[in-house]
Amino acid sequence: MADQRVFLLSCPVQHYAWGKVGFSSEVAQLLASSDPLVHIQEDKPYAEMWMGTHPRGDAVISDIHISEKTLGQWITNNQTCLGRSIKETYQDLPFLFKVLSVNTALSIQAHPNKELAVKLHAQAPEHYPDKNHKPEMAIALTPFHALCGFRPVQEIVGFLHKVPELRLLIGTEAVKHLEQSVGQDLQAASSALRACFTRMMKSEKKDFEEQLNVLVKRISQEAAEGKDMTDSNGELLLKLHGQYPGDVGCFVIYFLNLVILEPGDAIFLKANEPHAYLSGDSFHYAFLHD
């Protein structure tokens, strides 16, 4: 009898707090469709489904006629399934396939490059359990909103003029250098942008809370009056502040691109690309190796 090459997998689910709850989650719907006996709790978040061989979430083989209990074990014993190139280079799946269902914004993050990932893992494996750099690709299943990569400097300067609270938080000198960098070489613009972003993210708690409260109060008043809040990205600001009151990350919307994907649209996030997923459902391919 030929070796069985197609079989049902039971894929682990992660219940992170930011996930959509109950059947509003694409993850929960997929889980229920693959196992009619599973009970979906309507008040529980279903954030991620993992399909792969990750050591913290190796997919389980449900078929009792297959001796291997997990996908990782099966691939180890059936290396030809990988194809010659993948087999010779990795001996395993070089990616983790995931489905995400995002209800509230995830934290701002940037995956390190391969060299830094190896270094951080060696220095502090408890904080950096993965030595891989993990560039990833996201494909929208439903309308999917994310912050991804820095806006053009000219756009950021525009927000600094339209959002005085942010300008005050960063400081006149750093803002002036960023304004002067417009049209200059990439190194000058990058240096000025780094200075502004760092000053914002490392500002004193009392300072960013004060300016954020002033900004939210102003935008809330404009919303109540039915004014156009496009210039200050007001709608997104109020949404994020409602989820994370007093968080300095609310100011990041003025630095990072807002990307809105329709079903079938995709984005690729390379190493060191700052990003934060805001809402929606998507497929993700996280590449675990070079």
Protein backbone atom coordinates (compact mmCIF):
# COMPACT_ATOMS: atom_id res chain seq x y z
CA MET A 1 0.00 0.00 0.00
CA ALA A 2 1.39 3.43 -0.96
CA ASP A 3 2.39 5.83 1.78
CA GLN A 4 -0.44 8.18 2.74
CA ARG A 5 0.42 11.72 1.61
CA VAL A 6 -2.81 13.56 2.48
CA PHE A 7 -4.18 13.47 6.01
CA LEU A 8 -6.13 15.62 8.44
CA LEU A 9 -4.22 17.90 10.81
CA SER A 10 -5.40 19.22 14.16
CA CYS A 11 -3.81 22.66 14.33
CA PRO A 12 -3.04 24.45 17.60
CA VAL A 13 -4.86 27.69 18.39
CA GLN A 14 -3.43 30.62 20.35
CA HIS A 15 -5.85 32.53 22.59
CA TYR A 16 -4.05 35.88 22.80
CA ALA A 17 -6.11 38.70 24.32
CA TRP A 18 -6.10 40.74 21.09
CA GLY A 19 -7.93 38.03 19.14
CA LYS A 20 -11.53 38.14 17.97
CA VAL A 21 -13.90 36.33 20.30
CA GLY A 22 -16.15 33.38 19.57
CA PHE A 23 -17.48 32.79 16.08
CA SER A 24 -16.61 36.35 15.02
CA SER A 25 -13.09 34.94 14.65
CA GLU A 26 -12.04 33.32 11.38
CA VAL A 27 -9.75 31.12 13.49
CA ALA A 28 -12.71 29.85 15.53
CA GLN A 29 -14.72 29.20 12.37
CA LEU A 30 -11.88 27.17 10.85
CA LEU A 31 -11.44 25.26 14.10
CA ALA A 32 -15.14 24.40 14.26
CA SER A 33 -15.30 23.38 10.59
CA SER A 34 -12.43 20.91 11.03
CA ASP A 35 -13.79 19.32 14.19
CA PRO A 36 -17.59 19.17 14.72
CA LEU A 37 -17.05 18.14 18.35
CA VAL A 38 -15.09 21.23 19.31
CA HIS A 39 -16.88 23.77 21.54
CA ILE A 40 -16.32 27.41 20.64
CA GLN A 41 -16.67 29.73 23.64
CA GLU A 42 -18.32 32.99 22.64
CA ASP A 43 -16.41 35.00 25.26
CA LYS A 44 -12.98 33.55 24.49
CA PRO A 45 -10.48 35.06 22.02
CA TYR A 46 -9.32 32.90 19.11
CA ALA A 47 -6.32 34.84 17.83
CA GLU A 48 -4.08 32.53 15.81
CA MET A 49 -4.14 29.08 14.23
CA TRP A 50 -0.73 27.55 13.49
CA MET A 51 -0.20 25.09 10.65
CA GLY A 52 3.35 23.82 10.67
CA THR A 53 6.07 22.18 12.73
CA HIS A 54 6.95 24.95 15.18
CA PRO A 55 8.18 23.38 18.45
CA ARG A 56 5.66 25.42 20.43
CA GLY A 57 2.80 24.39 18.15
CA ASP A 58 3.49 21.30 16.06
CA ALA A 59 0.31 20.29 14.18
CA VAL A 60 -1.13 16.97 15.38
CA ILE A 61 -1.97 14.14 12.98
CA SER A 62 -5.48 12.89 13.73
CA ASP A 63 -5.33 9.68 11.68
CA ILE A 64 -4.70 6.75 14.05
CA HIS A 65 -3.39 4.65 11.14
CA ILE A 66 -0.35 6.93 10.82
CA SER A 67 2.41 6.06 13.28
CA GLU A 68 3.74 9.62 13.59
CA LYS A 69 1.72 11.79 15.97
CA THR A 70 2.72 15.24 14.68
CA LEU A 71 3.51 16.84 11.35
CA GLY A 72 7.08 17.47 12.50
CA GLN A 73 7.60 13.78 13.23
CA TRP A 74 6.07 12.78 9.89
CA ILE A 75 8.31 15.15 7.92
CA THR A 76 11.38 13.88 9.79
CA ASN A 77 10.52 10.33 8.68
CA ASN A 78 9.42 11.34 5.16
CA GLN A 79 12.05 13.85 4.04
CA THR A 80 11.33 13.39 0.33
CA CYS A 81 8.03 15.26 0.79
CA LEU A 82 10.05 18.49 1.11
CA GLY A 83 11.59 18.30 -2.34
CA ARG A 84 15.32 18.09 -2.93
CA SER A 85 16.24 21.75 -2.35
CA ILE A 86 14.28 22.19 0.91
CA LYS A 87 15.39 18.77 2.14
CA GLU A 88 19.08 19.51 1.58
CA THR A 89 18.93 23.02 3.04
CA TYR A 90 16.49 22.83 5.96
CA GLN A 91 15.27 19.27 6.58
CA ASP A 92 11.99 20.84 7.73
CA LEU A 93 9.36 23.34 6.66
CA PRO A 94 11.12 26.72 6.36
CA PHE A 95 7.95 28.63 7.22
CA LEU A 96 5.02 28.69 9.64
CA PHE A 97 1.59 29.11 8.07
CA LYS A 98 -0.86 30.97 10.34
CA VAL A 99 -4.33 32.46 10.32
CA LEU A 100 -4.79 35.63 12.40
CA SER A 101 -8.07 37.11 13.66
CA VAL A 102 -7.33 40.56 15.06
CA ASN A 103 -9.84 42.40 17.23
CA THR A 104 -7.63 44.97 18.98
CA ALA A 105 -4.29 46.35 17.85
CA LEU A 106 -1.16 44.29 18.41
CA SER A 107 1.97 45.89 19.83
CA ILE A 108 4.36 47.71 17.52
CA GLN A 109 7.20 45.41 16.58
CA ALA A 110 10.03 44.83 14.13
CA HIS A 111 11.58 41.41 13.68
CA PRO A 112 15.39 41.49 13.85
CA ASN A 113 17.50 40.42 10.90
CA LYS A 114 19.05 36.95 10.96
CA GLU A 115 22.38 38.07 12.43
CA LEU A 116 20.78 40.03 15.28
CA ALA A 117 18.20 37.29 15.95
CA VAL A 118 20.97 34.74 16.50
CA LYS A 119 22.82 37.15 18.80
CA LEU A 120 19.75 38.03 20.89
CA HIS A 121 18.75 34.37 21.21
CA ALA A 122 22.23 33.48 22.47
CA GLN A 123 22.26 36.35 24.98
CA ALA A 124 18.72 36.03 26.36
CA PRO A 125 16.82 32.96 25.11
CA GLU A 126 14.10 33.52 27.71
CA HIS A 127 13.22 36.83 26.01
CA TYR A 128 14.17 35.84 22.45
CA PRO A 129 13.19 32.15 22.12
CA ASP A 130 13.56 32.17 18.33
CA LYS A 131 16.92 32.58 16.59
CA ASN A 132 15.29 33.20 13.22
CA HIS A 133 14.55 36.56 11.62
CA LYS A 134 10.96 35.78 10.51
CA PRO A 135 10.12 38.05 7.59
CA GLU A 136 6.46 37.48 6.81
CA MET A 137 3.73 37.91 4.25
CA ALA A 138 0.10 38.65 5.11
CA ILE A 139 -2.84 37.95 2.77
CA ALA A 140 -6.18 39.47 3.77
CA LEU A 141 -9.22 37.23 4.26
CA THR A 142 -11.42 40.13 5.34
CA PRO A 143 -10.70 43.88 5.25
CA PHE A 144 -7.40 44.02 7.15
CA HIS A 145 -5.84 47.14 8.66
CA ALA A 146 -2.19 47.47 9.62
CA LEU A 147 0.54 50.00 10.27
CA CYS A 148 3.59 49.14 8.19
CA GLY A 149 6.87 50.95 7.51
CA PHE A 150 7.64 54.64 7.91
CA ARG A 151 5.68 57.20 5.94
CA PRO A 152 7.56 59.48 3.54
CA VAL A 153 9.30 62.22 5.54
CA GLN A 154 7.17 64.90 3.88
CA GLU A 155 3.99 63.23 5.20
CA ILE A 156 5.38 63.03 8.73
CA VAL A 157 6.37 66.70 8.61
CA GLY A 158 2.83 67.48 7.49
CA PHE A 159 1.41 65.74 10.57
CA LEU A 160 3.85 67.63 12.79
CA HIS A 161 2.30 70.86 11.51
CA LYS A 162 -1.28 69.61 11.86
CA VAL A 163 -0.82 67.93 15.25
CA PRO A 164 0.86 70.50 17.53
CA GLU A 165 0.65 68.12 20.50
CA LEU A 166 3.04 65.73 18.75
CA ARG A 167 5.34 68.60 17.78
CA LEU A 168 5.54 69.75 21.39
CA LEU A 169 6.29 66.22 22.60
CA ILE A 170 9.18 65.73 20.18
CA GLY A 171 10.67 69.19 20.61
CA THR A 172 11.46 72.11 18.31
CA GLU A 173 15.06 71.17 17.50
CA ALA A 174 14.37 67.59 16.42
CA VAL A 175 11.36 68.68 14.36
CA LYS A 176 13.40 71.40 12.68
CA HIS A 177 16.08 68.90 11.65
CA LEU A 178 13.41 66.63 10.16
CA GLU A 179 11.90 69.52 8.21
CA GLN A 180 15.34 70.45 6.86
CA SER A 181 15.99 66.85 5.79
CA VAL A 182 13.15 66.89 3.25
CA GLY A 183 14.71 66.55 -0.20
CA GLN A 184 18.14 65.68 1.20
CA ASP A 185 19.95 62.37 0.86
CA LEU A 186 18.53 59.22 2.47
CA GLN A 187 21.10 59.13 5.27
CA ALA A 188 20.25 62.65 6.46
CA ALA A 189 16.51 61.98 6.35
CA SER A 190 16.91 58.64 8.15
CA SER A 191 19.00 60.21 10.89
CA ALA A 192 16.51 63.03 11.47
CA LEU A 193 13.57 60.62 11.41
CA ARG A 194 15.29 58.29 13.89
CA ALA A 195 15.88 61.22 16.26
CA CYS A 196 12.22 62.29 16.17
CA PHE A 197 10.85 58.79 16.57
CA THR A 198 13.25 58.01 19.43
CA ARG A 199 12.37 61.22 21.28
CA MET A 200 8.70 60.37 21.03
CA MET A 201 9.00 56.73 22.11
CA LYS A 202 11.40 57.53 24.97
CA SER A 203 9.59 60.61 26.23
CA GLU A 204 8.68 60.78 29.92
CA LYS A 205 5.36 59.16 30.80
CA LYS A 206 3.93 62.34 32.27
CA ASP A 207 4.89 64.27 29.13
CA PHE A 208 3.37 61.95 26.52
CA GLU A 209 0.26 61.38 28.65
CA GLU A 210 -0.24 65.13 28.96
CA GLN A 211 0.07 65.77 25.22
CA LEU A 212 -1.99 62.69 24.34
CA ASN A 213 -4.80 63.75 26.64
CA VAL A 214 -4.83 67.22 25.09
CA LEU A 215 -4.90 65.72 21.60
CA VAL A 216 -7.66 63.22 22.39
CA LYS A 217 -9.76 65.93 23.99
CA ARG A 218 -9.35 68.16 20.93
CA ILE A 219 -10.14 65.39 18.44
CA SER A 220 -13.11 64.21 20.50
CA GLN A 221 -14.53 67.72 20.41
CA GLU A 222 -14.06 67.89 16.64
CA ALA A 223 -15.80 64.53 16.27
CA ALA A 224 -18.73 65.71 18.39
CA GLU A 225 -19.04 68.78 16.15
CA GLY A 226 -18.99 66.62 13.01
CA LYS A 227 -15.74 68.13 11.72
CA ASP A 228 -13.42 66.42 9.23
CA MET A 229 -10.64 64.74 11.23
CA THR A 230 -8.62 63.48 8.26
CA ASP A 231 -5.74 65.92 8.77
CA SER A 232 -5.11 64.59 12.28
CA ASN A 233 -5.91 60.92 11.55
CA GLY A 234 -8.51 61.45 14.25
CA GLU A 235 -10.73 58.44 13.75
CA LEU A 236 -7.85 55.98 14.11
CA LEU A 237 -6.41 57.91 17.05
CA LEU A 238 -9.67 57.71 19.01
CA LYS A 239 -10.04 54.01 18.20
CA LEU A 240 -6.53 53.13 19.43
CA HIS A 241 -6.81 55.36 22.48
CA GLY A 242 -10.07 53.61 23.33
CA GLN A 243 -8.25 50.28 23.25
CA TYR A 244 -5.05 51.45 24.99
CA PRO A 245 -5.72 54.68 26.92
CA GLY A 246 -2.64 56.74 27.64
CA ASP A 247 -0.32 54.60 25.50
CA VAL A 248 2.49 56.42 23.68
CA GLY A 249 1.91 54.03 20.76
CA CYS A 250 -1.14 56.09 19.82
CA PHE A 251 1.27 58.68 18.39
CA VAL A 252 2.85 56.09 16.07
CA ILE A 253 0.01 56.51 13.56
CA TYR A 254 1.70 59.75 12.49
CA PHE A 255 4.95 57.95 11.64
CA LEU A 256 3.87 54.63 10.08
CA ASN A 257 1.87 54.02 6.91
CA LEU A 258 -1.75 52.97 7.40
CA VAL A 259 -2.30 50.01 5.07
CA ILE A 260 -5.84 48.81 4.32
CA LEU A 261 -6.02 45.46 2.55
CA GLU A 262 -9.11 44.09 0.86
CA PRO A 263 -9.61 40.29 0.69
CA GLY A 264 -6.90 38.85 -1.53
CA ASP A 265 -4.52 41.82 -1.11
CA ALA A 266 -1.12 41.11 0.44
CA ILE A 267 1.84 42.82 2.06
CA PHE A 268 5.39 41.59 2.67
CA LEU A 269 7.22 42.60 5.85
CA LYS A 270 10.98 42.23 5.75
CA ALA A 271 13.27 42.14 8.77
CA ASN A 272 13.53 45.45 10.70
CA GLU A 273 10.22 46.69 9.23
CA PRO A 274 8.17 48.31 12.03
CA HIS A 275 4.57 47.19 11.95
CA ALA A 276 1.43 46.65 13.99
CA TYR A 277 -1.69 44.77 12.96
CA LEU A 278 -4.86 46.67 13.85
CA SER A 279 -7.91 44.64 12.81
CA GLY A 280 -9.20 41.95 10.48
CA ASP A 281 -8.47 38.36 9.45
CA SER A 282 -5.56 37.18 7.35
CA PHE A 283 -3.33 34.31 6.26
CA HIS A 284 0.31 34.69 7.28
CA TYR A 285 3.46 33.03 6.06
CA ALA A 286 6.26 33.54 8.58
CA PHE A 287 9.55 32.54 6.98
CA LEU A 288 11.67 30.89 9.64
CA HIS A 289 14.91 30.53 7.72
CA ASP A 290 17.02 32.33 5.12
